[in-house]
């Protein structure tokens, strides 16, 4: 039971970290696209 809850917590942390990275990457891509247009 403890292992399952630890695994769930780990998955939630991983998920929020990847969401944060995706947001940063998306922002960087938008900046790059703007620079390329100019």
C-alpha atoms as a PDB file:
ATOM      1  CA  UNK A   1       0.000   0.000   0.000  1.00  0.00           C
ATOM      2  CA  UNK A   2       2.808   2.400   0.886  1.00  0.00           C
ATOM      3  CA  UNK A   3       4.555   1.651  -2.394  1.00  0.00           C
ATOM      4  CA  UNK A   4       1.409   2.463  -4.367  1.00  0.00           C
ATOM      5  CA  UNK A   5       0.914   5.839  -2.689  1.00  0.00           C
ATOM      6  CA  UNK A   6       4.589   6.696  -3.131  1.00  0.00           C
ATOM      7  CA  UNK A   7       4.356   5.767  -6.795  1.00  0.00           C
ATOM      8  CA  UNK A   8       1.238   7.921  -7.213  1.00  0.00           C
ATOM      9  CA  UNK A   9       2.918  10.900  -5.557  1.00  0.00           C
ATOM     10  CA  UNK A  10       5.969  10.404  -7.771  1.00  0.00           C
ATOM     11  CA  UNK A  11       3.774  10.308 -10.880  1.00  0.00           C
ATOM     12  CA  UNK A  12       1.999  13.511  -9.868  1.00  0.00           C
ATOM     13  CA  UNK A  13       5.354  15.252  -9.331  1.00  0.00           C
ATOM     14  CA  UNK A  14       6.651  13.974 -12.679  1.00  0.00           C
ATOM     15  CA  UNK A  15       3.475  15.130 -14.376  1.00  0.00           C
ATOM     16  CA  UNK A  16       3.630  18.661 -12.981  1.00  0.00           C
ATOM     17  CA  UNK A  17       7.347  18.908 -13.833  1.00  0.00           C
ATOM     18  CA  UNK A  18       6.727  17.832 -17.429  1.00  0.00           C
ATOM     19  CA  UNK A  19       3.781  20.239 -17.679  1.00  0.00           C
ATOM     20  CA  UNK A  20       6.054  23.047 -16.483  1.00  0.00           C
ATOM     21  CA  UNK A  21       8.739  22.083 -19.012  1.00  0.00           C
ATOM     22  CA  UNK A  22       6.171  21.894 -21.812  1.00  0.00           C
ATOM     23  CA  UNK A  23       5.001  25.403 -20.967  1.00  0.00           C
ATOM     24  CA  UNK A  24       8.586  26.722 -21.007  1.00  0.00           C
ATOM     25  CA  UNK A  25       9.358  24.959 -24.302  1.00  0.00           C
ATOM     26  CA  UNK A  26       6.164  26.320 -25.867  1.00  0.00           C
ATOM     27  CA  UNK A  27       7.109  29.825 -24.761  1.00  0.00           C
ATOM     28  CA  UNK A  28      10.617  29.443 -26.192  1.00  0.00           C
ATOM     29  CA  UNK A  29       9.209  28.174 -29.491  1.00  0.00           C
ATOM     30  CA  UNK A  30       6.895  31.177 -29.704  1.00  0.00           C
ATOM     31  CA  UNK A  31       9.834  33.528 -29.102  1.00  0.00           C
ATOM     32  CA  UNK A  32      11.868  31.729 -31.782  1.00  0.00           C
ATOM     33  CA  UNK A  33       8.962  31.894 -34.237  1.00  0.00           C
ATOM     34  CA  UNK A  34       8.609  35.631 -33.646  1.00  0.00           C
ATOM     35  CA  UNK A  35      12.340  36.125 -34.267  1.00  0.00           C
ATOM     36  CA  UNK A  36      12.184  34.047 -37.445  1.00  0.00           C
ATOM     37  CA  UNK A  37       9.275  36.095 -38.787  1.00  0.00           C
ATOM     38  CA  UNK A  38      11.293  39.291 -38.323  1.00  0.00           C
END
